[in-house]
Amino acid sequence: MHYYCSPLFGIIHMESDFQGIETSVCDRNRLRRRSGLPLLDEEREFTRTVAVLKWNERQTAINVHMAVYLKLRQEVLHAMRSERGDNFPPNSFSHCLLIAETERRFRKYLLSIGMVDLPIPCIPSL
């Protein structure tokens, strides 16, 4: 049996999803064979498709929590501006401080809801 540990839903039984992926790859190879095209490496295509599905789920999880990340960033920015002045962050070092504190608070938030396997979102400077 195949299982996948999902940051959103815990452990998921993915036997049916894996069978669907395998069927899809076999169907594409059948069409390629009829068309006279080179066949796909089934194992490689299967691995790639599973990776894409996992990545999509991870992105969905990040997007769900993006509002929290942005809220934390605004709180940190407000606190730092009240301490250092309205033009904070004036340079790249100060910007790094802002990002580091926001990420620290965001990781603390993720731990509080039981999610430890999410990457920190890449947020451009606002």
PDB file of N, CA and C in Angstrom:
ATOM      1  N   MET A   1       0.837  -1.191   0.000  1.00  0.00           N
ATOM      2  CA  MET A   1       0.000   0.000   0.000  1.00  0.00           C
ATOM      3  C   MET A   1       0.873   1.242   0.000  1.00  0.00           C
ATOM      4  N   HIS A   2       0.407   2.284  -0.662  1.00  0.00           N
ATOM      5  CA  HIS A   2       1.133   3.535  -0.727  1.00  0.00           C
ATOM      6  C   HIS A   2       0.439   4.566   0.155  1.00  0.00           C
ATOM      7  N   TYR A   3       1.228   5.259   0.941  1.00  0.00           N
ATOM      8  CA  TYR A   3       0.709   6.327   1.775  1.00  0.00           C
ATOM      9  C   TYR A   3       1.515   7.582   1.502  1.00  0.00           C
ATOM     10  N   TYR A   4       0.891   8.698   1.702  1.00  0.00           N
ATOM     11  CA  TYR A   4       1.574   9.980   1.532  1.00  0.00           C
ATOM     12  C   TYR A   4       1.264  10.823   2.750  1.00  0.00           C
ATOM     13  N   CYS A   5       2.283  11.384   3.363  1.00  0.00           N
ATOM     14  CA  CYS A   5       2.087  12.234   4.538  1.00  0.00           C
ATOM     15  C   CYS A   5       1.825  13.654   4.068  1.00  0.00           C
ATOM     16  N   SER A   6       0.610  14.094   4.251  1.00  0.00           N
ATOM     17  CA  SER A   6       0.191  15.406   3.779  1.00  0.00           C
ATOM     18  C   SER A   6       0.256  16.415   4.906  1.00  0.00           C
ATOM     19  N   PRO A   7       0.849  17.608   4.680  1.00  0.00           N
ATOM     20  CA  PRO A   7       0.861  18.623   5.732  1.00  0.00           C
ATOM     21  C   PRO A   7      -0.541  19.115   6.069  1.00  0.00           C
ATOM     22  N   LEU A   8      -1.457  19.017   5.123  1.00  0.00           N
ATOM     23  CA  LEU A   8      -2.821  19.477   5.391  1.00  0.00           C
ATOM     24  C   LEU A   8      -3.692  18.413   6.029  1.00  0.00           C
ATOM     25  N   PHE A   9      -3.568  17.173   5.575  1.00  0.00           N
ATOM     26  CA  PHE A   9      -4.530  16.153   5.952  1.00  0.00           C
ATOM     27  C   PHE A   9      -3.925  14.962   6.675  1.00  0.00           C
ATOM     28  N   GLY A  10      -2.661  15.036   7.069  1.00  0.00           N
ATOM     29  CA  GLY A  10      -2.036  13.907   7.732  1.00  0.00           C
ATOM     30  C   GLY A  10      -1.691  12.818   6.735  1.00  0.00           C
ATOM     31  N   ILE A  11      -1.802  11.567   7.152  1.00  0.00           N
ATOM     32  CA  ILE A  11      -1.451  10.450   6.284  1.00  0.00           C
ATOM     33  C   ILE A  11      -2.655  10.093   5.417  1.00  0.00           C
ATOM     34  N   ILE A  12      -2.421  10.022   4.118  1.00  0.00           N
ATOM     35  CA  ILE A  12      -3.480   9.743   3.159  1.00  0.00           C
ATOM     36  C   ILE A  12      -3.160   8.428   2.459  1.00  0.00           C
ATOM     37  N   HIS A  13      -4.170   7.604   2.288  1.00  0.00           N
ATOM     38  CA  HIS A  13      -4.024   6.371   1.512  1.00  0.00           C
ATOM     39  C   HIS A  13      -4.180   6.750   0.047  1.00  0.00           C
ATOM     40  N   MET A  14      -3.109   6.608  -0.732  1.00  0.00           N
ATOM     41  CA  MET A  14      -3.133   7.093  -2.106  1.00  0.00           C
ATOM     42  C   MET A  14      -3.095   5.975  -3.134  1.00  0.00           C
ATOM     43  N   GLU A  15      -3.465   4.756  -2.741  1.00  0.00           N
ATOM     44  CA  GLU A  15      -3.423   3.654  -3.693  1.00  0.00           C
ATOM     45  C   GLU A  15      -4.245   3.974  -4.942  1.00  0.00           C
ATOM     46  N   SER A  16      -5.435   4.526  -4.756  1.00  0.00           N
ATOM     47  CA  SER A  16      -6.286   4.820  -5.905  1.00  0.00           C
ATOM     48  C   SER A  16      -5.685   5.930  -6.761  1.00  0.00           C
ATOM     49  N   ASP A  17      -5.077   6.951  -6.126  1.00  0.00           N
ATOM     50  CA  ASP A  17      -4.429   8.012  -6.895  1.00  0.00           C
ATOM     51  C   ASP A  17      -3.249   7.462  -7.691  1.00  0.00           C
ATOM     52  N   PHE A  18      -2.457   6.593  -7.068  1.00  0.00           N
ATOM     53  CA  PHE A  18      -1.322   6.005  -7.765  1.00  0.00           C
ATOM     54  C   PHE A  18      -1.780   5.168  -8.949  1.00  0.00           C
ATOM     55  N   GLN A  19      -2.862   4.425  -8.774  1.00  0.00           N
ATOM     56  CA  GLN A  19      -3.384   3.617  -9.883  1.00  0.00           C
ATOM     57  C   GLN A  19      -3.853   4.522 -11.013  1.00  0.00           C
ATOM     58  N   GLY A  20      -4.474   5.650 -10.671  1.00  0.00           N
ATOM     59  CA  GLY A  20      -4.921   6.597 -11.685  1.00  0.00           C
ATOM     60  C   GLY A  20      -3.764   7.197 -12.460  1.00  0.00           C
ATOM     61  N   ILE A  21      -2.690   7.507 -11.757  1.00  0.00           N
ATOM     62  CA  ILE A  21      -1.497   8.058 -12.405  1.00  0.00           C
ATOM     63  C   ILE A  21      -0.902   7.010 -13.343  1.00  0.00           C
ATOM     64  N   GLU A  22      -0.793   5.781 -12.843  1.00  0.00           N
ATOM     65  CA  GLU A  22      -0.214   4.711 -13.656  1.00  0.00           C
ATOM     66  C   GLU A  22      -1.061   4.462 -14.904  1.00  0.00           C
ATOM     67  N   THR A  23      -2.374   4.476 -14.736  1.00  0.00           N
ATOM     68  CA  THR A  23      -3.275   4.297 -15.877  1.00  0.00           C
ATOM     69  C   THR A  23      -3.098   5.416 -16.887  1.00  0.00           C
ATOM     70  N   SER A  24      -2.958   6.641 -16.393  1.00  0.00           N
ATOM     71  CA  SER A  24      -2.770   7.789 -17.277  1.00  0.00           C
ATOM     72  C   SER A  24      -1.486   7.651 -18.099  1.00  0.00           C
ATOM     73  N   VAL A  25      -0.409   7.247 -17.450  1.00  0.00           N
ATOM     74  CA  VAL A  25       0.868   7.081 -18.158  1.00  0.00           C
ATOM     75  C   VAL A  25       0.741   5.970 -19.199  1.00  0.00           C
ATOM     76  N   CYS A  26       0.099   4.869 -18.840  1.00  0.00           N
ATOM     77  CA  CYS A  26      -0.086   3.761 -19.795  1.00  0.00           C
ATOM     78  C   CYS A  26      -0.949   4.198 -20.976  1.00  0.00           C
ATOM     79  N   ASP A  27      -1.991   4.976 -20.698  1.00  0.00           N
ATOM     80  CA  ASP A  27      -2.850   5.484 -21.780  1.00  0.00           C
ATOM     81  C   ASP A  27      -2.071   6.395 -22.727  1.00  0.00           C
ATOM     82  N   ARG A  28      -1.238   7.251 -22.170  1.00  0.00           N
ATOM     83  CA  ARG A  28      -0.443   8.137 -23.027  1.00  0.00           C
ATOM     84  C   ARG A  28       0.536   7.337 -23.871  1.00  0.00           C
ATOM     85  N   ASN A  29       1.130   6.305 -23.266  1.00  0.00           N
ATOM     86  CA  ASN A  29       2.046   5.456 -24.045  1.00  0.00           C
ATOM     87  C   ASN A  29       1.311   4.712 -25.144  1.00  0.00           C
ATOM     88  N   ARG A  30       0.093   4.269 -24.884  1.00  0.00           N
ATOM     89  CA  ARG A  30      -0.702   3.588 -25.903  1.00  0.00           C
ATOM     90  C   ARG A  30      -0.942   4.525 -27.090  1.00  0.00           C
ATOM     91  N   LEU A  31      -1.289   5.778 -26.788  1.00  0.00           N
ATOM     92  CA  LEU A  31      -1.507   6.769 -27.854  1.00  0.00           C
ATOM     93  C   LEU A  31      -0.212   7.064 -28.606  1.00  0.00           C
ATOM     94  N   ARG A  32       0.889   7.141 -27.881  1.00  0.00           N
ATOM     95  CA  ARG A  32       2.178   7.407 -28.523  1.00  0.00           C
ATOM     96  C   ARG A  32       2.581   6.244 -29.433  1.00  0.00           C
ATOM     97  N   ARG A  33       2.314   5.021 -28.985  1.00  0.00           N
ATOM     98  CA  ARG A  33       2.637   3.838 -29.788  1.00  0.00           C
ATOM     99  C   ARG A  33       1.838   3.850 -31.095  1.00  0.00           C
ATOM    100  N   ARG A  34       0.531   4.171 -31.001  1.00  0.00           N
ATOM    101  CA  ARG A  34      -0.319   4.241 -32.193  1.00  0.00           C
ATOM    102  C   ARG A  34       0.140   5.334 -33.153  1.00  0.00           C
ATOM    103  N   SER A  35       0.671   6.429 -32.587  1.00  0.00           N
ATOM    104  CA  SER A  35       1.097   7.566 -33.414  1.00  0.00           C
ATOM    105  C   SER A  35       2.516   7.426 -33.916  1.00  0.00           C
ATOM    106  N   GLY A  36       3.207   6.373 -33.484  1.00  0.00           N
ATOM    107  CA  GLY A  36       4.579   6.159 -33.935  1.00  0.00           C
ATOM    108  C   GLY A  36       5.589   7.041 -33.208  1.00  0.00           C
ATOM    109  N   LEU A  37       5.208   7.570 -32.041  1.00  0.00           N
ATOM    110  CA  LEU A  37       6.119   8.411 -31.255  1.00  0.00           C
ATOM    111  C   LEU A  37       6.901   7.559 -30.259  1.00  0.00           C
ATOM    112  N   PRO A  38       8.055   8.040 -29.809  1.00  0.00           N
ATOM    113  CA  PRO A  38       8.805   7.286 -28.797  1.00  0.00           C
ATOM    114  C   PRO A  38       7.988   7.193 -27.503  1.00  0.00           C
ATOM    115  N   LEU A  39       8.103   6.060 -26.822  1.00  0.00           N
ATOM    116  CA  LEU A  39       7.344   5.839 -25.599  1.00  0.00           C
ATOM    117  C   LEU A  39       7.985   6.573 -24.425  1.00  0.00           C
ATOM    118  N   LEU A  40       7.133   6.921 -23.471  1.00  0.00           N
ATOM    119  CA  LEU A  40       7.601   7.568 -22.248  1.00  0.00           C
ATOM    120  C   LEU A  40       8.154   6.519 -21.291  1.00  0.00           C
ATOM    121  N   ASP A  41       9.128   6.903 -20.489  1.00  0.00           N
ATOM    122  CA  ASP A  41       9.623   6.042 -19.424  1.00  0.00           C
ATOM    123  C   ASP A  41       8.558   6.067 -18.322  1.00  0.00           C
ATOM    124  N   GLU A  42       7.848   4.957 -18.130  1.00  0.00           N
ATOM    125  CA  GLU A  42       6.697   4.933 -17.236  1.00  0.00           C
ATOM    126  C   GLU A  42       7.078   5.256 -15.794  1.00  0.00           C
ATOM    127  N   GLU A  43       8.182   4.713 -15.330  1.00  0.00           N
ATOM    128  CA  GLU A  43       8.593   4.967 -13.944  1.00  0.00           C
ATOM    129  C   GLU A  43       8.931   6.451 -13.741  1.00  0.00           C
ATOM    130  N   ARG A  44       9.631   7.017 -14.692  1.00  0.00           N
ATOM    131  CA  ARG A  44      10.010   8.427 -14.604  1.00  0.00           C
ATOM    132  C   ARG A  44       8.777   9.338 -14.659  1.00  0.00           C
ATOM    133  N   GLU A  45       7.844   9.047 -15.550  1.00  0.00           N
ATOM    134  CA  GLU A  45       6.613   9.834 -15.659  1.00  0.00           C
ATOM    135  C   GLU A  45       5.765   9.712 -14.399  1.00  0.00           C
ATOM    136  N   PHE A  46       5.708   8.506 -13.841  1.00  0.00           N
ATOM    137  CA  PHE A  46       4.969   8.280 -12.603  1.00  0.00           C
ATOM    138  C   PHE A  46       5.557   9.120 -11.470  1.00  0.00           C
ATOM    139  N   THR A  47       6.879   9.063 -11.317  1.00  0.00           N
ATOM    140  CA  THR A  47       7.570   9.813 -10.262  1.00  0.00           C
ATOM    141  C   THR A  47       7.360  11.318 -10.441  1.00  0.00           C
ATOM    142  N   ARG A  48       7.452  11.783 -11.681  1.00  0.00           N
ATOM    143  CA  ARG A  48       7.261  13.207 -11.955  1.00  0.00           C
ATOM    144  C   ARG A  48       5.834  13.644 -11.623  1.00  0.00           C
ATOM    145  N   THR A  49       4.854  12.842 -11.996  1.00  0.00           N
ATOM    146  CA  THR A  49       3.460  13.197 -11.740  1.00  0.00           C
ATOM    147  C   THR A  49       3.161  13.229 -10.250  1.00  0.00           C
ATOM    148  N   VAL A  50       3.691  12.269  -9.501  1.00  0.00           N
ATOM    149  CA  VAL A  50       3.498  12.261  -8.049  1.00  0.00           C
ATOM    150  C   VAL A  50       4.140  13.505  -7.434  1.00  0.00           C
ATOM    151  N   ALA A  51       5.322  13.864  -7.907  1.00  0.00           N
ATOM    152  CA  ALA A  51       6.000  15.055  -7.397  1.00  0.00           C
ATOM    153  C   ALA A  51       5.185  16.314  -7.680  1.00  0.00           C
ATOM    154  N   VAL A  52       4.593  16.392  -8.861  1.00  0.00           N
ATOM    155  CA  VAL A  52       3.763  17.549  -9.208  1.00  0.00           C
ATOM    156  C   VAL A  52       2.539  17.613  -8.304  1.00  0.00           C
ATOM    157  N   LEU A  53       1.907  16.478  -8.047  1.00  0.00           N
ATOM    158  CA  LEU A  53       0.740  16.455  -7.162  1.00  0.00           C
ATOM    159  C   LEU A  53       1.106  16.909  -5.744  1.00  0.00           C
ATOM    160  N   LYS A  54       2.241  16.424  -5.245  1.00  0.00           N
ATOM    161  CA  LYS A  54       2.693  16.823  -3.904  1.00  0.00           C
ATOM    162  C   LYS A  54       3.003  18.319  -3.875  1.00  0.00           C
ATOM    163  N   TRP A  55       3.649  18.820  -4.924  1.00  0.00           N
ATOM    164  CA  TRP A  55       3.980  20.237  -4.982  1.00  0.00           C
ATOM    165  C   TRP A  55       2.709  21.083  -5.009  1.00  0.00           C
ATOM    166  N   ASN A  56       1.725  20.659  -5.792  1.00  0.00           N
ATOM    167  CA  ASN A  56       0.460  21.399  -5.850  1.00  0.00           C
ATOM    168  C   ASN A  56      -0.231  21.434  -4.499  1.00  0.00           C
ATOM    169  N   GLU A  57      -0.202  20.317  -3.787  1.00  0.00           N
ATOM    170  CA  GLU A  57      -0.810  20.296  -2.453  1.00  0.00           C
ATOM    171  C   GLU A  57      -0.069  21.230  -1.503  1.00  0.00           C
ATOM    172  N   ARG A  58       1.256  21.215  -1.593  1.00  0.00           N
ATOM    173  CA  ARG A  58       2.063  22.092  -0.732  1.00  0.00           C
ATOM    174  C   ARG A  58       1.758  23.561  -1.040  1.00  0.00           C
ATOM    175  N   GLN A  59       1.644  23.908  -2.320  1.00  0.00           N
ATOM    176  CA  GLN A  59       1.320  25.286  -2.691  1.00  0.00           C
ATOM    177  C   GLN A  59      -0.062  25.681  -2.184  1.00  0.00           C
ATOM    178  N   THR A  60      -1.014  24.753  -2.241  1.00  0.00           N
ATOM    179  CA  THR A  60      -2.354  25.025  -1.716  1.00  0.00           C
ATOM    180  C   THR A  60      -2.278  25.309  -0.224  1.00  0.00           C
ATOM    181  N   ALA A  61      -1.496  24.516   0.495  1.00  0.00           N
ATOM    182  CA  ALA A  61      -1.347  24.723   1.931  1.00  0.00           C
ATOM    183  C   ALA A  61      -0.717  26.079   2.228  1.00  0.00           C
ATOM    184  N   ILE A  62       0.271  26.453   1.443  1.00  0.00           N
ATOM    185  CA  ILE A  62       0.909  27.756   1.635  1.00  0.00           C
ATOM    186  C   ILE A  62      -0.095  28.875   1.375  1.00  0.00           C
ATOM    187  N   ASN A  63      -0.854  28.746   0.297  1.00  0.00           N
ATOM    188  CA  ASN A  63      -1.830  29.785  -0.041  1.00  0.00           C
ATOM    189  C   ASN A  63      -2.894  29.928   1.034  1.00  0.00           C
ATOM    190  N   VAL A  64      -3.274  28.824   1.668  1.00  0.00           N
ATOM    191  CA  VAL A  64      -4.258  28.875   2.749  1.00  0.00           C
ATOM    192  C   VAL A  64      -3.741  29.749   3.884  1.00  0.00           C
ATOM    193  N   HIS A  65      -2.448  29.692   4.150  1.00  0.00           N
ATOM    194  CA  HIS A  65      -1.861  30.408   5.284  1.00  0.00           C
ATOM    195  C   HIS A  65      -1.165  31.710   4.888  1.00  0.00           C
ATOM    196  N   MET A  66      -1.247  32.088   3.630  1.00  0.00           N
ATOM    197  CA  MET A  66      -0.590  33.311   3.165  1.00  0.00           C
ATOM    198  C   MET A  66      -1.137  34.544   3.870  1.00  0.00           C
ATOM    199  N   ALA A  67      -2.436  34.588   4.113  1.00  0.00           N
ATOM    200  CA  ALA A  67      -3.028  35.742   4.793  1.00  0.00           C
ATOM    201  C   ALA A  67      -2.441  35.907   6.189  1.00  0.00           C
ATOM    202  N   VAL A  68      -2.213  34.788   6.870  1.00  0.00           N
ATOM    203  CA  VAL A  68      -1.607  34.851   8.211  1.00  0.00           C
ATOM    204  C   VAL A  68      -0.184  35.384   8.102  1.00  0.00           C
ATOM    205  N   TYR A  69       0.577  34.898   7.111  1.00  0.00           N
ATOM    206  CA  TYR A  69       1.950  35.367   6.931  1.00  0.00           C
ATOM    207  C   TYR A  69       1.982  36.874   6.679  1.00  0.00           C
ATOM    208  N   LEU A  70       1.113  37.350   5.803  1.00  0.00           N
ATOM    209  CA  LEU A  70       1.087  38.785   5.491  1.00  0.00           C
ATOM    210  C   LEU A  70       0.658  39.614   6.694  1.00  0.00           C
ATOM    211  N   LYS A  71      -0.269  39.097   7.486  1.00  0.00           N
ATOM    212  CA  LYS A  71      -0.709  39.792   8.703  1.00  0.00           C
ATOM    213  C   LYS A  71       0.449  39.884   9.701  1.00  0.00           C
ATOM    214  N   LEU A  72       1.163  38.777   9.876  1.00  0.00           N
ATOM    215  CA  LEU A  72       2.320  38.786  10.782  1.00  0.00           C
ATOM    216  C   LEU A  72       3.385  39.759  10.291  1.00  0.00           C
ATOM    217  N   ARG A  73       3.590  39.786   8.988  1.00  0.00           N
ATOM    218  CA  ARG A  73       4.580  40.710   8.425  1.00  0.00           C
ATOM    219  C   ARG A  73       4.209  42.162   8.705  1.00  0.00           C
ATOM    220  N   GLN A  74       2.934  42.498   8.569  1.00  0.00           N
ATOM    221  CA  GLN A  74       2.490  43.863   8.850  1.00  0.00           C
ATOM    222  C   GLN A  74       2.646  44.199  10.331  1.00  0.00           C
ATOM    223  N   GLU A  75       2.366  43.228  11.218  1.00  0.00           N
ATOM    224  CA  GLU A  75       2.554  43.457  12.658  1.00  0.00           C
ATOM    225  C   GLU A  75       4.017  43.718  12.986  1.00  0.00           C
ATOM    226  N   VAL A  76       4.913  42.924  12.403  1.00  0.00           N
ATOM    227  CA  VAL A  76       6.349  43.090  12.638  1.00  0.00           C
ATOM    228  C   VAL A  76       6.811  44.434  12.082  1.00  0.00           C
ATOM    229  N   LEU A  77       6.372  44.767  10.888  1.00  0.00           N
ATOM    230  CA  LEU A  77       6.753  46.030  10.269  1.00  0.00           C
ATOM    231  C   LEU A  77       6.275  47.213  11.112  1.00  0.00           C
ATOM    232  N   HIS A  78       5.050  47.138  11.610  1.00  0.00           N
ATOM    233  CA  HIS A  78       4.512  48.216  12.456  1.00  0.00           C
ATOM    234  C   HIS A  78       5.334  48.361  13.746  1.00  0.00           C
ATOM    235  N   ALA A  79       5.669  47.222  14.371  1.00  0.00           N
ATOM    236  CA  ALA A  79       6.462  47.268  15.607  1.00  0.00           C
ATOM    237  C   ALA A  79       7.853  47.842  15.348  1.00  0.00           C
ATOM    238  N   MET A  80       8.475  47.429  14.255  1.00  0.00           N
ATOM    239  CA  MET A  80       9.817  47.927  13.954  1.00  0.00           C
ATOM    240  C   MET A  80       9.795  49.403  13.564  1.00  0.00           C
ATOM    241  N   ARG A  81       8.764  49.837  12.868  1.00  0.00           N
ATOM    242  CA  ARG A  81       8.657  51.263  12.525  1.00  0.00           C
ATOM    243  C   ARG A  81       8.399  52.111  13.760  1.00  0.00           C
ATOM    244  N   SER A  82       7.644  51.586  14.715  1.00  0.00           N
ATOM    245  CA  SER A  82       7.413  52.359  15.935  1.00  0.00           C
ATOM    246  C   SER A  82       8.697  52.487  16.763  1.00  0.00           C
ATOM    247  N   GLU A  83       9.581  51.484  16.674  1.00  0.00           N
ATOM    248  CA  GLU A  83      10.862  51.541  17.384  1.00  0.00           C
ATOM    249  C   GLU A  83      11.916  52.353  16.630  1.00  0.00           C
ATOM    250  N   ARG A  84      11.953  52.267  15.288  1.00  0.00           N
ATOM    251  CA  ARG A  84      13.065  52.796  14.500  1.00  0.00           C
ATOM    252  C   ARG A  84      12.712  53.950  13.575  1.00  0.00           C
ATOM    253  N   GLY A  85      11.455  54.279  13.491  1.00  0.00           N
ATOM    254  CA  GLY A  85      11.067  55.380  12.613  1.00  0.00           C
ATOM    255  C   GLY A  85      10.254  54.904  11.428  1.00  0.00           C
ATOM    256  N   ASP A  86       9.563  55.845  10.798  1.00  0.00           N
ATOM    257  CA  ASP A  86       8.630  55.509   9.722  1.00  0.00           C
ATOM    258  C   ASP A  86       9.297  55.033   8.438  1.00  0.00           C
ATOM    259  N   ASN A  87      10.587  55.320   8.245  1.00  0.00           N
ATOM    260  CA  ASN A  87      11.232  54.913   6.997  1.00  0.00           C
ATOM    261  C   ASN A  87      11.866  53.523   7.092  1.00  0.00           C
ATOM    262  N   PHE A  88      11.583  52.765   8.144  1.00  0.00           N
ATOM    263  CA  PHE A  88      12.104  51.403   8.276  1.00  0.00           C
ATOM    264  C   PHE A  88      11.408  50.504   7.266  1.00  0.00           C
ATOM    265  N   PRO A  89      12.016  49.599   6.561  1.00  0.00           N
ATOM    266  CA  PRO A  89      13.440  49.269   6.541  1.00  0.00           C
ATOM    267  C   PRO A  89      14.202  50.093   5.510  1.00  0.00           C
ATOM    268  N   PRO A  90      15.174  50.884   5.957  1.00  0.00           N
ATOM    269  CA  PRO A  90      15.905  51.769   5.047  1.00  0.00           C
ATOM    270  C   PRO A  90      16.972  51.065   4.206  1.00  0.00           C
ATOM    271  N   ASN A  91      17.383  49.861   4.605  1.00  0.00           N
ATOM    272  CA  ASN A  91      18.437  49.174   3.846  1.00  0.00           C
ATOM    273  C   ASN A  91      18.187  47.664   3.840  1.00  0.00           C
ATOM    274  N   SER A  92      19.030  46.957   3.135  1.00  0.00           N
ATOM    275  CA  SER A  92      18.813  45.517   2.978  1.00  0.00           C
ATOM    276  C   SER A  92      18.985  44.756   4.288  1.00  0.00           C
ATOM    277  N   PHE A  93      19.877  45.220   5.172  1.00  0.00           N
ATOM    278  CA  PHE A  93      20.048  44.534   6.457  1.00  0.00           C
ATOM    279  C   PHE A  93      18.770  44.635   7.284  1.00  0.00           C
ATOM    280  N   SER A  94      18.178  45.822   7.320  1.00  0.00           N
ATOM    281  CA  SER A  94      16.928  45.997   8.057  1.00  0.00           C
ATOM    282  C   SER A  94      15.812  45.152   7.453  1.00  0.00           C
ATOM    283  N   HIS A  95      15.814  45.055   6.130  1.00  0.00           N
ATOM    284  CA  HIS A  95      14.815  44.216   5.456  1.00  0.00           C
ATOM    285  C   HIS A  95      14.994  42.756   5.860  1.00  0.00           C
ATOM    286  N   CYS A  96      16.242  42.314   5.985  1.00  0.00           N
ATOM    287  CA  CYS A  96      16.517  40.939   6.432  1.00  0.00           C
ATOM    288  C   CYS A  96      16.014  40.718   7.858  1.00  0.00           C
ATOM    289  N   LEU A  97      16.161  41.716   8.720  1.00  0.00           N
ATOM    290  CA  LEU A  97      15.622  41.616  10.082  1.00  0.00           C
ATOM    291  C   LEU A  97      14.106  41.437  10.050  1.00  0.00           C
ATOM    292  N   LEU A  98      13.459  42.200   9.203  1.00  0.00           N
ATOM    293  CA  LEU A  98      12.008  42.114   9.057  1.00  0.00           C
ATOM    294  C   LEU A  98      11.598  40.710   8.606  1.00  0.00           C
ATOM    295  N   ILE A  99      12.269  40.184   7.612  1.00  0.00           N
ATOM    296  CA  ILE A  99      11.949  38.847   7.106  1.00  0.00           C
ATOM    297  C   ILE A  99      12.208  37.788   8.170  1.00  0.00           C
ATOM    298  N   ALA A 100      13.345  37.880   8.860  1.00  0.00           N
ATOM    299  CA  ALA A 100      13.694  36.880   9.871  1.00  0.00           C
ATOM    300  C   ALA A 100      12.662  36.848  10.999  1.00  0.00           C
ATOM    301  N   GLU A 101      12.253  37.998  11.477  1.00  0.00           N
ATOM    302  CA  GLU A 101      11.265  38.039  12.568  1.00  0.00           C
ATOM    303  C   GLU A 101       9.905  37.542  12.090  1.00  0.00           C
ATOM    304  N   THR A 102       9.526  37.899  10.870  1.00  0.00           N
ATOM    305  CA  THR A 102       8.253  37.421  10.325  1.00  0.00           C
ATOM    306  C   THR A 102       8.282  35.907  10.185  1.00  0.00           C
ATOM    307  N   GLU A 103       9.368  35.359   9.667  1.00  0.00           N
ATOM    308  CA  GLU A 103       9.478  33.907   9.508  1.00  0.00           C
ATOM    309  C   GLU A 103       9.472  33.196  10.855  1.00  0.00           C
ATOM    310  N   ARG A 104      10.114  33.784  11.854  1.00  0.00           N
ATOM    311  CA  ARG A 104      10.116  33.180  13.191  1.00  0.00           C
ATOM    312  C   ARG A 104       8.690  33.084  13.724  1.00  0.00           C
ATOM    313  N   ARG A 105       7.941  34.172  13.591  1.00  0.00           N
ATOM    314  CA  ARG A 105       6.555  34.174  14.072  1.00  0.00           C
ATOM    315  C   ARG A 105       5.681  33.230  13.254  1.00  0.00           C
ATOM    316  N   PHE A 106       5.926  33.156  11.939  1.00  0.00           N
ATOM    317  CA  PHE A 106       5.127  32.282  11.083  1.00  0.00           C
ATOM    318  C   PHE A 106       5.392  30.814  11.424  1.00  0.00           C
ATOM    319  N   ARG A 107       6.651  30.456  11.633  1.00  0.00           N
ATOM    320  CA  ARG A 107       6.963  29.073  12.035  1.00  0.00           C
ATOM    321  C   ARG A 107       6.303  28.738  13.368  1.00  0.00           C
ATOM    322  N   LYS A 108       6.300  29.689  14.284  1.00  0.00           N
ATOM    323  CA  LYS A 108       5.638  29.483  15.580  1.00  0.00           C
ATOM    324  C   LYS A 108       4.143  29.241  15.365  1.00  0.00           C
ATOM    325  N   TYR A 109       3.538  30.006  14.463  1.00  0.00           N
ATOM    326  CA  TYR A 109       2.124  29.812  14.126  1.00  0.00           C
ATOM    327  C   TYR A 109       1.896  28.428  13.541  1.00  0.00           C
ATOM    328  N   LEU A 110       2.750  28.022  12.579  1.00  0.00           N
ATOM    329  CA  LEU A 110       2.590  26.700  11.962  1.00  0.00           C
ATOM    330  C   LEU A 110       2.712  25.589  12.997  1.00  0.00           C
ATOM    331  N   LEU A 111       3.669  25.712  13.907  1.00  0.00           N
ATOM    332  CA  LEU A 111       3.812  24.710  14.960  1.00  0.00           C
ATOM    333  C   LEU A 111       2.571  24.669  15.848  1.00  0.00           C
ATOM    334  N   SER A 112       1.978  25.831  16.108  1.00  0.00           N
ATOM    335  CA  SER A 112       0.803  25.878  16.987  1.00  0.00           C
ATOM    336  C   SER A 112      -0.400  25.173  16.382  1.00  0.00           C
ATOM    337  N   ILE A 113      -0.454  25.066  15.051  1.00  0.00           N
ATOM    338  CA  ILE A 113      -1.573  24.364  14.416  1.00  0.00           C
ATOM    339  C   ILE A 113      -1.161  22.978  13.927  1.00  0.00           C
ATOM    340  N   GLY A 114       0.048  22.552  14.300  1.00  0.00           N
ATOM    341  CA  GLY A 114       0.488  21.199  13.989  1.00  0.00           C
ATOM    342  C   GLY A 114       1.053  21.003  12.600  1.00  0.00           C
ATOM    343  N   MET A 115       1.455  22.066  11.941  1.00  0.00           N
ATOM    344  CA  MET A 115       2.019  21.957  10.599  1.00  0.00           C
ATOM    345  C   MET A 115       3.491  22.330  10.661  1.00  0.00           C
ATOM    346  N   VAL A 116       4.335  21.335  10.479  1.00  0.00           N
ATOM    347  CA  VAL A 116       5.767  21.597  10.582  1.00  0.00           C
ATOM    348  C   VAL A 116       6.494  21.427   9.264  1.00  0.00           C
ATOM    349  N   ASP A 117       5.804  20.995   8.222  1.00  0.00           N
ATOM    350  CA  ASP A 117       6.485  20.638   6.978  1.00  0.00           C
ATOM    351  C   ASP A 117       6.246  21.633   5.844  1.00  0.00           C
ATOM    352  N   LEU A 118       5.857  22.851   6.166  1.00  0.00           N
ATOM    353  CA  LEU A 118       5.615  23.836   5.122  1.00  0.00           C
ATOM    354  C   LEU A 118       6.805  24.768   4.980  1.00  0.00           C
ATOM    355  N   PRO A 119       7.185  25.076   3.762  1.00  0.00           N
ATOM    356  CA  PRO A 119       8.244  26.060   3.580  1.00  0.00           C
ATOM    357  C   PRO A 119       7.707  27.456   3.841  1.00  0.00           C
ATOM    358  N   ILE A 120       8.591  28.362   4.150  1.00  0.00           N
ATOM    359  CA  ILE A 120       8.178  29.757   4.313  1.00  0.00           C
ATOM    360  C   ILE A 120       7.900  30.335   2.955  1.00  0.00           C
ATOM    361  N   PRO A 121       6.781  31.023   2.790  1.00  0.00           N
ATOM    362  CA  PRO A 121       6.477  31.613   1.479  1.00  0.00           C
ATOM    363  C   PRO A 121       7.500  32.668   1.097  1.00  0.00           C
ATOM    364  N   CYS A 122       7.759  32.788  -0.154  1.00  0.00           N
ATOM    365  CA  CYS A 122       8.656  33.823  -0.657  1.00  0.00           C
ATOM    366  C   CYS A 122       7.817  35.056  -0.960  1.00  0.00           C
ATOM    367  N   ILE A 123       7.962  36.073  -0.145  1.00  0.00           N
ATOM    368  CA  ILE A 123       7.174  37.290  -0.279  1.00  0.00           C
ATOM    369  C   ILE A 123       8.101  38.411  -0.759  1.00  0.00           C
ATOM    370  N   PRO A 124       7.808  39.020  -1.855  1.00  0.00           N
ATOM    371  CA  PRO A 124       8.621  40.165  -2.287  1.00  0.00           C
ATOM    372  C   PRO A 124       8.426  41.329  -1.330  1.00  0.00           C
ATOM    373  N   SER A 125       9.372  42.231  -1.298  1.00  0.00           N
ATOM    374  CA  SER A 125       9.224  43.386  -0.415  1.00  0.00           C
ATOM    375  C   SER A 125       8.002  44.186  -0.824  1.00  0.00           C
ATOM    376  N   LEU A 126       7.258  44.579   0.172  1.00  0.00           N
ATOM    377  CA  LEU A 126       6.010  45.315  -0.102  1.00  0.00           C
ATOM    378  C   LEU A 126       6.212  46.803   0.070  1.00  0.00           C
TER     379      LEU A 126
END
